[in-house]
Amino acid sequence: MGLIEKQMNYHHTYHAGNFADVVKHIILIELLTYLKNKPTPFCYIDTHAGSAYHDLFSEFAVKNKEYLNGIEKIIQQEQPPAYIKRYLDCIHQINSQLAHTNYSSLRYYPGSSMIAHYFMRPQDRIIACEHNPPVYQSLKLAWINYKQVSIHHMDGYLALKAFTPPREQRGLVLIDPSFEHPDEFKHIALALPSVFKRWRNAMVMIWYPIKEKFQVERFHRTIRQLIKQPILVNELSIFPDLHQHLNGCGIIVINPPWKLDQSLNKIYSWLWKTLSINHQGQYRSYLLK
């Protein structure tokens, strides 16, 4: 893991298990749970999969210890609600398998593909794409013996054209780039219309950082203009608006399941109370019009 991380321009292990990871993965689990309500198979497509997991004891993770304001805060909560218990059980079970330790220990924070696989049924499958060569190699190695999971070395936006619609005609697409590129919001928005042209009922989850408010607002306007599907916006910040600072994160769900907005309001309320720093920031969930 250490060698692979050193070859990357962007080291997600610096941020693994932070508040943004926690929010993203709890919402991801909620969407996968909705898909599992029907017996028919579904396909999970991860356009920017990243590493299968991150070592929280590595030199990268311990430098900033961002997980202390994320997963550690969640673990410390007494009697968490059911949707948090599902998430924590996933984290602990994966740690037990990776570290061969007791259930309650925490050393590894799983990536989205590993969390998704935990909730997969035998009839479901995963398509995970990664463009960075060393990260792709580590991802492929992690999933080499899993027939349900296919790993592809390719650009995530090209993957949207290559793999949609899946043969299952049901599923979830996660678009979660590193946002190293200054035009990442634009790339995401321009990739969406072709997906819905081919796969009208696709459920798409988009994660984005909240740093500059005007960028986020422009992104919202652009996707609203480009696609006609229902768009549910969810945002949580743990700091006040500060220029060029990661104040919070947003998650857009296109074609959200019925009553998802009600579920997410409860989830975001609990997460904000648990993760916010001195009750700073805010949370909100609304349909984009």
Protein backbone atom coordinates (compact mmCIF):
# COMPACT_ATOMS: atom_id res chain seq x y z
CA MET A 1 0.00 0.00 0.00
CA GLY A 2 2.79 2.45 0.91
CA LEU A 3 4.59 2.20 -2.46
CA ILE A 4 1.36 2.60 -4.36
CA GLU A 5 0.33 5.69 -2.41
CA LYS A 6 3.71 7.34 -3.00
CA GLN A 7 3.29 7.12 -6.76
CA MET A 8 -0.01 9.03 -6.73
CA ASN A 9 -0.40 12.76 -7.21
CA TYR A 10 -3.48 12.68 -5.00
CA HIS A 11 -3.24 10.69 -1.76
CA HIS A 12 -6.73 9.86 -0.59
CA THR A 13 -5.23 8.05 2.40
CA TYR A 14 -4.51 11.51 3.85
CA HIS A 15 -8.28 11.94 4.02
CA ALA A 16 -9.50 8.35 4.46
CA GLY A 17 -12.30 7.99 6.97
CA ASN A 18 -12.83 11.75 7.32
CA PHE A 19 -16.27 13.33 7.64
CA ALA A 20 -16.72 13.46 3.85
CA ASP A 21 -15.98 9.75 3.48
CA VAL A 22 -18.42 8.95 6.27
CA VAL A 23 -21.24 10.98 4.68
CA LYS A 24 -20.58 9.53 1.23
CA HIS A 25 -20.53 5.93 2.34
CA ILE A 26 -23.58 6.12 4.59
CA ILE A 27 -25.60 7.55 1.67
CA LEU A 28 -24.12 4.95 -0.68
CA ILE A 29 -25.29 2.19 1.67
CA GLU A 30 -28.76 3.75 1.84
CA LEU A 31 -29.06 3.69 -1.96
CA LEU A 32 -27.79 0.11 -2.20
CA THR A 33 -30.34 -0.88 0.44
CA TYR A 34 -33.12 0.60 -1.70
CA LEU A 35 -31.90 -1.41 -4.70
CA LYS A 36 -31.90 -4.61 -2.65
CA ASN A 37 -35.59 -4.17 -1.84
CA LYS A 38 -36.33 -5.80 -5.21
CA PRO A 39 -35.15 -9.36 -5.94
CA THR A 40 -33.99 -8.57 -9.48
CA PRO A 41 -30.22 -8.08 -9.94
CA PHE A 42 -28.55 -4.69 -10.18
CA CYS A 43 -25.18 -3.33 -11.31
CA TYR A 44 -23.05 -0.88 -9.32
CA ILE A 45 -20.73 1.23 -11.50
CA ASP A 46 -17.90 3.14 -9.77
CA THR A 47 -16.32 5.59 -12.23
CA HIS A 48 -13.44 6.73 -10.03
CA ALA A 49 -13.01 3.76 -7.72
CA GLY A 50 -9.66 4.56 -6.09
CA SER A 51 -8.10 2.07 -3.68
CA ALA A 52 -10.01 -0.88 -2.28
CA TYR A 53 -9.04 0.22 1.25
CA HIS A 54 -6.72 2.56 3.16
CA ASP A 55 -4.43 1.82 6.09
CA LEU A 56 -5.19 4.31 8.88
CA PHE A 57 -1.84 3.41 10.49
CA SER A 58 0.13 4.48 7.40
CA GLU A 59 2.34 7.57 7.32
CA PHE A 60 -0.21 9.33 5.10
CA ALA A 61 -3.22 8.75 7.33
CA VAL A 62 -1.45 9.57 10.61
CA LYS A 63 -0.08 12.84 9.27
CA ASN A 64 -3.40 14.69 9.50
CA LYS A 65 -5.49 12.06 11.32
CA GLU A 66 -8.62 13.27 9.55
CA TYR A 67 -10.39 10.06 10.50
CA LEU A 68 -10.57 11.34 14.08
CA ASN A 69 -13.23 13.84 12.96
CA GLY A 70 -14.96 11.21 10.85
CA ILE A 71 -15.24 7.48 11.44
CA GLU A 72 -13.87 7.72 15.00
CA LYS A 73 -16.65 10.11 16.00
CA ILE A 74 -19.24 7.74 14.59
CA ILE A 75 -17.80 4.72 16.39
CA GLN A 76 -17.88 6.54 19.72
CA GLN A 77 -21.64 7.20 19.56
CA GLU A 78 -23.83 5.18 21.90
CA GLN A 79 -26.97 3.57 20.45
CA PRO A 80 -26.67 4.90 16.87
CA PRO A 81 -29.73 4.56 14.60
CA ALA A 82 -30.19 1.54 12.31
CA TYR A 83 -28.70 3.18 9.20
CA ILE A 84 -25.52 3.98 11.14
CA LYS A 85 -25.36 0.46 12.58
CA ARG A 86 -25.41 -0.95 9.03
CA TYR A 87 -22.44 1.25 8.15
CA LEU A 88 -20.48 0.41 11.31
CA ASP A 89 -21.09 -3.30 10.93
CA CYS A 90 -19.69 -3.08 7.40
CA ILE A 91 -16.58 -1.20 8.58
CA HIS A 92 -15.92 -3.62 11.44
CA GLN A 93 -16.51 -6.76 9.39
CA ILE A 94 -14.13 -5.58 6.66
CA ASN A 95 -11.48 -4.79 9.29
CA SER A 96 -11.90 -8.26 10.79
CA GLN A 97 -11.29 -9.81 7.38
CA LEU A 98 -8.35 -7.58 6.39
CA ALA A 99 -6.50 -7.41 9.69
CA HIS A 100 -7.58 -10.81 11.10
CA THR A 101 -8.32 -9.08 14.40
CA ASN A 102 -11.32 -8.81 16.67
CA TYR A 103 -14.56 -7.29 15.40
CA SER A 104 -14.26 -3.94 17.20
CA SER A 105 -10.76 -2.91 16.06
CA LEU A 106 -10.25 -0.23 13.41
CA ARG A 107 -7.16 -0.11 11.21
CA TYR A 108 -8.46 -0.04 7.65
CA TYR A 109 -10.98 2.25 6.04
CA PRO A 110 -12.61 0.64 2.99
CA GLY A 111 -13.12 2.37 -0.34
CA SER A 112 -16.49 2.59 -2.06
CA SER A 113 -16.04 -0.61 -4.08
CA MET A 114 -15.35 -2.65 -0.96
CA ILE A 115 -18.31 -1.13 0.89
CA ALA A 116 -20.57 -1.80 -2.10
CA HIS A 117 -19.37 -5.41 -2.32
CA TYR A 118 -20.25 -5.96 1.34
CA PHE A 119 -23.90 -5.25 0.47
CA MET A 120 -23.96 -7.20 -2.80
CA ARG A 121 -26.11 -10.29 -3.29
CA PRO A 122 -24.98 -13.21 -5.49
CA GLN A 123 -27.03 -11.91 -8.43
CA ASP A 124 -25.55 -8.38 -8.34
CA ARG A 125 -22.25 -7.18 -9.77
CA ILE A 126 -19.72 -4.34 -9.64
CA ILE A 127 -17.91 -2.50 -12.43
CA ALA A 128 -15.07 -0.42 -10.96
CA CYS A 129 -12.89 1.90 -13.06
CA GLU A 130 -9.64 3.60 -12.14
CA HIS A 131 -7.39 5.69 -14.42
CA ASN A 132 -4.30 5.99 -12.19
CA PRO A 133 -2.02 3.02 -13.14
CA PRO A 134 -0.62 2.07 -9.71
CA VAL A 135 -4.00 2.49 -8.01
CA TYR A 136 -5.61 0.40 -10.75
CA GLN A 137 -3.06 -2.35 -10.16
CA SER A 138 -3.75 -2.39 -6.41
CA LEU A 139 -7.49 -2.38 -7.03
CA LYS A 140 -7.25 -5.24 -9.52
CA LEU A 141 -5.12 -7.24 -7.10
CA ALA A 142 -7.63 -6.71 -4.29
CA TRP A 143 -10.49 -8.09 -6.41
CA ILE A 144 -8.63 -10.71 -8.45
CA ASN A 145 -10.57 -13.67 -7.00
CA TYR A 146 -14.03 -12.08 -7.07
CA LYS A 147 -16.11 -12.96 -10.13
CA GLN A 148 -18.79 -10.43 -9.16
CA VAL A 149 -16.31 -7.56 -9.52
CA SER A 150 -14.73 -6.39 -12.78
CA ILE A 151 -11.92 -3.83 -12.68
CA HIS A 152 -11.10 -1.60 -15.66
CA HIS A 153 -8.13 0.69 -16.29
CA MET A 154 -9.86 3.63 -17.96
CA ASP A 155 -11.08 7.19 -17.60
CA GLY A 156 -14.23 7.30 -15.50
CA TYR A 157 -16.18 9.48 -17.92
CA LEU A 158 -15.40 7.16 -20.82
CA ALA A 159 -16.57 4.32 -18.61
CA LEU A 160 -20.00 5.93 -18.47
CA LYS A 161 -20.25 5.52 -22.23
CA ALA A 162 -18.75 2.05 -22.26
CA PHE A 163 -20.81 0.42 -19.50
CA THR A 164 -24.22 2.07 -19.60
CA PRO A 165 -26.79 0.74 -19.73
CA PRO A 166 -25.77 -2.47 -17.97
CA ARG A 167 -27.52 -5.69 -18.91
CA GLU A 168 -29.41 -5.65 -15.60
CA GLN A 169 -31.12 -2.35 -16.54
CA ARG A 170 -31.15 -1.56 -12.80
CA GLY A 171 -28.36 -0.07 -10.79
CA LEU A 172 -26.39 2.76 -9.31
CA VAL A 173 -23.57 4.85 -10.75
CA LEU A 174 -21.18 6.56 -8.32
CA ILE A 175 -19.22 9.51 -9.74
CA ASP A 176 -16.62 10.43 -7.15
CA PRO A 177 -13.52 12.01 -8.73
CA SER A 178 -10.62 13.48 -6.77
CA PHE A 179 -11.40 17.01 -8.02
CA GLU A 180 -7.76 17.64 -8.83
CA HIS A 181 -8.80 19.02 -12.22
CA PRO A 182 -10.09 22.65 -12.10
CA ASP A 183 -12.88 21.78 -14.57
CA GLU A 184 -14.11 18.66 -12.76
CA PHE A 185 -17.61 20.05 -12.20
CA LYS A 186 -17.86 20.72 -15.93
CA HIS A 187 -16.62 17.22 -16.83
CA ILE A 188 -19.27 15.63 -14.62
CA ALA A 189 -22.10 17.76 -15.97
CA LEU A 190 -21.20 17.13 -19.62
CA ALA A 191 -20.98 13.36 -19.06
CA LEU A 192 -24.52 13.05 -17.71
CA PRO A 193 -26.80 13.64 -20.75
CA SER A 194 -25.46 10.68 -22.74
CA VAL A 195 -25.99 8.38 -19.74
CA PHE A 196 -29.67 9.26 -19.45
CA LYS A 197 -30.15 9.14 -23.19
CA ARG A 198 -29.22 5.44 -23.09
CA TRP A 199 -30.36 4.57 -19.58
CA ARG A 200 -33.29 6.79 -18.64
CA ASN A 201 -33.97 5.31 -15.19
CA ALA A 202 -30.33 5.21 -14.05
CA MET A 203 -29.77 6.18 -10.44
CA VAL A 204 -26.65 8.35 -10.28
CA MET A 205 -24.88 9.50 -7.12
CA ILE A 206 -22.38 12.36 -7.43
CA TRP A 207 -20.04 13.37 -4.61
CA TYR A 208 -18.47 16.84 -4.63
CA PRO A 209 -16.49 19.05 -2.22
CA ILE A 210 -17.89 22.33 -0.95
CA LYS A 211 -15.16 24.95 -1.09
CA GLU A 212 -16.32 27.84 -3.27
CA LYS A 213 -20.06 28.39 -3.17
CA PHE A 214 -20.32 29.96 -6.63
CA GLN A 215 -18.77 26.86 -8.25
CA VAL A 216 -21.31 24.60 -6.61
CA GLU A 217 -24.24 26.83 -7.57
CA ARG A 218 -23.06 26.97 -11.18
CA PHE A 219 -22.74 23.17 -11.19
CA HIS A 220 -26.32 22.83 -9.96
CA ARG A 221 -27.61 25.19 -12.65
CA THR A 222 -25.71 23.36 -15.37
CA ILE A 223 -26.95 19.86 -14.59
CA ARG A 224 -30.50 21.17 -14.16
CA GLN A 225 -30.29 22.61 -17.67
CA LEU A 226 -28.74 19.47 -19.18
CA ILE A 227 -30.98 16.73 -17.80
CA LYS A 228 -34.68 16.43 -17.04
CA GLN A 229 -34.63 13.69 -14.39
CA PRO A 230 -35.41 14.46 -10.71
CA ILE A 231 -32.33 15.74 -8.87
CA LEU A 232 -32.02 15.52 -5.08
CA VAL A 233 -29.32 17.75 -3.56
CA ASN A 234 -27.84 16.90 -0.15
CA GLU A 235 -25.16 19.02 1.50
CA LEU A 236 -23.44 18.96 4.87
CA SER A 237 -20.78 21.37 6.12
CA ILE A 238 -18.97 21.24 9.44
CA PHE A 239 -17.28 24.65 9.14
CA PRO A 240 -18.50 28.11 8.10
CA ASP A 241 -17.97 29.15 4.45
CA LEU A 242 -14.21 29.65 4.09
CA HIS A 243 -12.57 30.27 0.73
CA GLN A 244 -10.53 27.30 -0.61
CA HIS A 245 -11.22 25.26 2.53
CA LEU A 246 -13.09 21.95 2.57
CA ASN A 247 -16.06 23.22 4.54
CA GLY A 248 -18.33 20.34 3.66
CA CYS A 249 -19.44 17.98 0.93
CA GLY A 250 -22.42 17.56 -1.32
CA ILE A 251 -24.13 14.51 -2.74
CA ILE A 252 -26.49 14.69 -5.67
CA VAL A 253 -28.80 11.76 -6.35
CA ILE A 254 -30.41 11.73 -9.80
CA ASN A 255 -33.55 9.61 -10.08
CA PRO A 256 -33.76 9.21 -6.29
CA PRO A 257 -35.91 6.38 -4.90
CA TRP A 258 -39.33 7.21 -3.50
CA LYS A 259 -39.17 8.93 -0.10
CA LEU A 260 -35.37 9.04 -0.14
CA ASP A 261 -35.54 12.74 0.75
CA GLN A 262 -37.34 11.90 4.00
CA SER A 263 -34.77 9.25 4.91
CA LEU A 264 -31.84 11.55 4.13
CA ASN A 265 -33.24 14.39 6.22
CA LYS A 266 -33.09 12.11 9.26
CA ILE A 267 -29.64 10.83 8.34
CA TYR A 268 -28.18 14.30 7.71
CA SER A 269 -29.63 15.67 10.93
CA TRP A 270 -27.90 12.93 12.93
CA LEU A 271 -24.65 13.23 10.98
CA TRP A 272 -24.44 16.99 11.38
CA LYS A 273 -25.02 16.79 15.15
CA THR A 274 -22.33 14.11 15.38
CA LEU A 275 -19.71 15.44 12.96
CA SER A 276 -19.98 19.25 13.10
CA ILE A 277 -17.23 21.18 14.84
CA ASN A 278 -18.80 23.25 17.67
CA HIS A 279 -22.15 23.21 15.80
CA GLN A 280 -20.70 25.15 12.88
CA GLY A 281 -21.86 24.69 9.31
CA GLN A 282 -25.25 23.31 8.30
CA TYR A 283 -27.05 20.56 6.39
CA ARG A 284 -29.81 20.62 3.82
CA SER A 285 -31.63 18.27 1.45
CA TYR A 286 -33.88 19.48 -1.35
CA LEU A 287 -35.07 18.78 -4.89
CA LEU A 288 -33.28 20.92 -7.47
CA LYS A 289 -35.70 23.02 -9.53
